[in-house]
Amino acid sequence: MTDLPELYFRIRENGAAVFRINTANRERRIEMEQIAVVNTNRGDFKAQGDATLSATEERAIGDWLQARLNLLAARDMDDIHRAIDHLNLTAHWAQAKATDAQLEQVTDSLLMAMHDLRNVLVRKKADRLQG
């Protein structure tokens, strides 16, 4: 049997449930005891129920949280770059392929979304230039 980690992180929306792994029993079964909950929105974690976290576990959970936040930030940037690609593809579609009926279905929604995005981007750029 391969060496198992001491902690297992079950990813969930906005964080993870943290389990302590134990195989030191007569049946050599893998036992998982939930010991903590991680919240990536708040950037923190707390012990679950009556569990007491060791300093090593707290460090491991903190390290996992930081790595997870870095991964999520990288994914956000990748999503934005994909959105730019989609805007370009949408422009090409509208110019070269879309029918009048298709354009009628999406034009107002696209214009409103682009107007909203433009307003946010212009305001944020002005804030950066002033700050």
Protein backbone atom coordinates (compact mmCIF):
# COMPACT_ATOMS: atom_id res chain seq x y z
CA MET A 1 0.00 0.00 0.00
CA THR A 2 1.32 3.46 -0.84
CA ASP A 3 1.89 6.05 1.83
CA LEU A 4 -1.20 8.11 2.37
CA PRO A 5 -1.15 11.78 3.26
CA GLU A 6 -1.94 12.72 6.84
CA LEU A 7 -4.67 15.10 5.66
CA TYR A 8 -7.21 14.90 2.87
CA PHE A 9 -8.93 18.01 1.47
CA ARG A 10 -12.38 17.44 -0.01
CA ILE A 11 -12.93 20.40 -2.29
CA ARG A 12 -16.30 22.06 -2.08
CA GLU A 13 -17.83 25.35 -3.11
CA ASN A 14 -15.84 28.14 -1.47
CA GLY A 15 -13.35 25.91 0.32
CA ALA A 16 -12.84 22.40 1.56
CA ALA A 17 -13.55 19.95 4.32
CA VAL A 18 -10.33 18.69 5.91
CA PHE A 19 -10.01 15.09 7.06
CA ARG A 20 -7.36 13.42 9.20
CA ILE A 21 -6.37 10.08 7.64
CA ASN A 22 -5.86 7.07 9.91
CA THR A 23 -4.85 3.57 8.87
CA ALA A 24 -3.51 2.48 12.26
CA ASN A 25 -6.30 0.08 13.08
CA ARG A 26 -6.60 -3.70 13.14
CA GLU A 27 -8.41 -3.96 9.81
CA ARG A 28 -6.01 -1.52 8.09
CA ARG A 29 -9.04 0.31 6.80
CA ILE A 30 -8.71 3.95 5.87
CA GLU A 31 -10.57 6.04 8.41
CA MET A 32 -11.26 9.70 7.71
CA GLU A 33 -12.16 12.04 10.55
CA GLN A 34 -13.27 15.54 9.59
CA ILE A 35 -11.18 17.99 11.59
CA ALA A 36 -11.60 21.36 9.91
CA VAL A 37 -13.43 23.49 7.38
CA VAL A 38 -11.60 25.85 5.02
CA ASN A 39 -13.31 28.96 3.62
CA THR A 40 -11.54 30.36 0.56
CA ASN A 41 -13.84 33.41 0.42
CA ARG A 42 -12.71 34.56 3.85
CA GLY A 43 -9.24 33.05 3.53
CA ASP A 44 -9.46 31.18 6.82
CA PHE A 45 -10.17 27.83 8.43
CA LYS A 46 -11.55 26.55 11.70
CA ALA A 47 -11.56 23.28 13.58
CA GLN A 48 -14.65 21.15 13.12
CA GLY A 49 -16.63 19.97 16.12
CA ASP A 50 -14.44 18.79 19.00
CA ALA A 51 -11.32 18.39 16.84
CA THR A 52 -8.10 19.95 18.08
CA LEU A 53 -5.61 20.86 15.37
CA SER A 54 -1.92 20.34 15.95
CA ALA A 55 0.54 23.05 14.93
CA THR A 56 1.64 20.80 12.05
CA GLU A 57 -1.95 20.40 10.87
CA GLU A 58 -2.60 24.13 11.12
CA ARG A 59 0.53 24.80 9.05
CA ALA A 60 -0.48 22.17 6.46
CA ILE A 61 -4.00 23.60 6.20
CA GLY A 62 -2.62 27.14 5.91
CA ASP A 63 -0.22 26.03 3.17
CA TRP A 64 -3.03 24.24 1.33
CA LEU A 65 -5.25 27.33 1.63
CA GLN A 66 -2.57 29.59 0.16
CA ALA A 67 -1.89 27.16 -2.70
CA ARG A 68 -5.63 26.89 -3.37
CA LEU A 69 -6.06 30.68 -3.42
CA ASN A 70 -3.15 30.94 -5.87
CA LEU A 71 -4.70 28.27 -8.10
CA LEU A 72 -8.11 29.97 -8.04
CA ALA A 73 -6.54 33.33 -8.91
CA ALA A 74 -4.70 31.74 -11.84
CA ARG A 75 -7.94 30.14 -13.02
CA ASP A 76 -9.70 33.51 -12.80
CA MET A 77 -7.07 35.08 -15.05
CA ASP A 78 -7.31 32.17 -17.47
CA ASP A 79 -11.09 32.66 -17.58
CA ILE A 80 -10.63 36.35 -18.41
CA HIS A 81 -8.20 35.56 -21.22
CA ARG A 82 -10.73 33.04 -22.55
CA ALA A 83 -13.43 35.73 -22.35
CA ILE A 84 -11.26 38.00 -24.52
CA ASP A 85 -10.93 35.16 -27.03
CA HIS A 86 -14.70 34.64 -26.94
CA LEU A 87 -15.33 38.34 -27.56
CA ASN A 88 -13.09 38.18 -30.62
CA LEU A 89 -14.79 35.01 -31.83
CA THR A 90 -18.19 36.61 -31.23
CA ALA A 91 -17.19 39.64 -33.31
CA HIS A 92 -16.11 37.35 -36.15
CA TRP A 93 -19.33 35.33 -35.85
CA ALA A 94 -21.47 38.49 -35.92
CA GLN A 95 -19.64 39.82 -38.95
CA ALA A 96 -19.23 36.66 -40.99
CA LYS A 97 -21.70 33.97 -39.94
CA ALA A 98 -24.67 35.24 -37.92
CA THR A 99 -28.09 35.45 -39.45
CA ASP A 100 -30.35 38.42 -38.88
CA ALA A 101 -32.54 36.28 -36.61
CA GLN A 102 -29.55 35.18 -34.53
CA LEU A 103 -28.31 38.76 -34.19
CA GLU A 104 -31.79 39.86 -33.16
CA GLN A 105 -31.70 37.31 -30.32
CA VAL A 106 -28.39 38.46 -28.83
CA THR A 107 -27.63 42.04 -29.87
CA ASP A 108 -29.32 43.88 -26.98
CA SER A 109 -27.91 41.53 -24.35
CA LEU A 110 -24.41 41.73 -25.81
CA LEU A 111 -24.55 45.52 -26.09
CA MET A 112 -25.68 45.88 -22.46
CA ALA A 113 -23.01 43.47 -21.19
CA MET A 114 -20.30 45.24 -23.20
CA HIS A 115 -21.54 48.67 -22.05
CA ASP A 116 -21.46 47.53 -18.42
CA LEU A 117 -17.98 46.03 -18.85
CA ARG A 118 -16.71 49.16 -20.56
CA ASN A 119 -18.02 51.37 -17.74
CA VAL A 120 -16.32 49.22 -15.10
CA LEU A 121 -13.02 49.05 -16.99
CA VAL A 122 -12.93 52.82 -17.66
CA ARG A 123 -13.73 53.62 -14.00
CA LYS A 124 -11.10 51.16 -12.71
CA LYS A 125 -8.47 52.52 -15.12
CA ALA A 126 -9.21 56.08 -14.00
CA ASP A 127 -8.87 54.98 -10.36
CA ARG A 128 -5.50 53.39 -11.11
CA LEU A 129 -4.25 56.50 -12.91
CA GLN A 130 -5.32 58.75 -10.01
CA GLY A 131 -4.04 56.44 -7.29
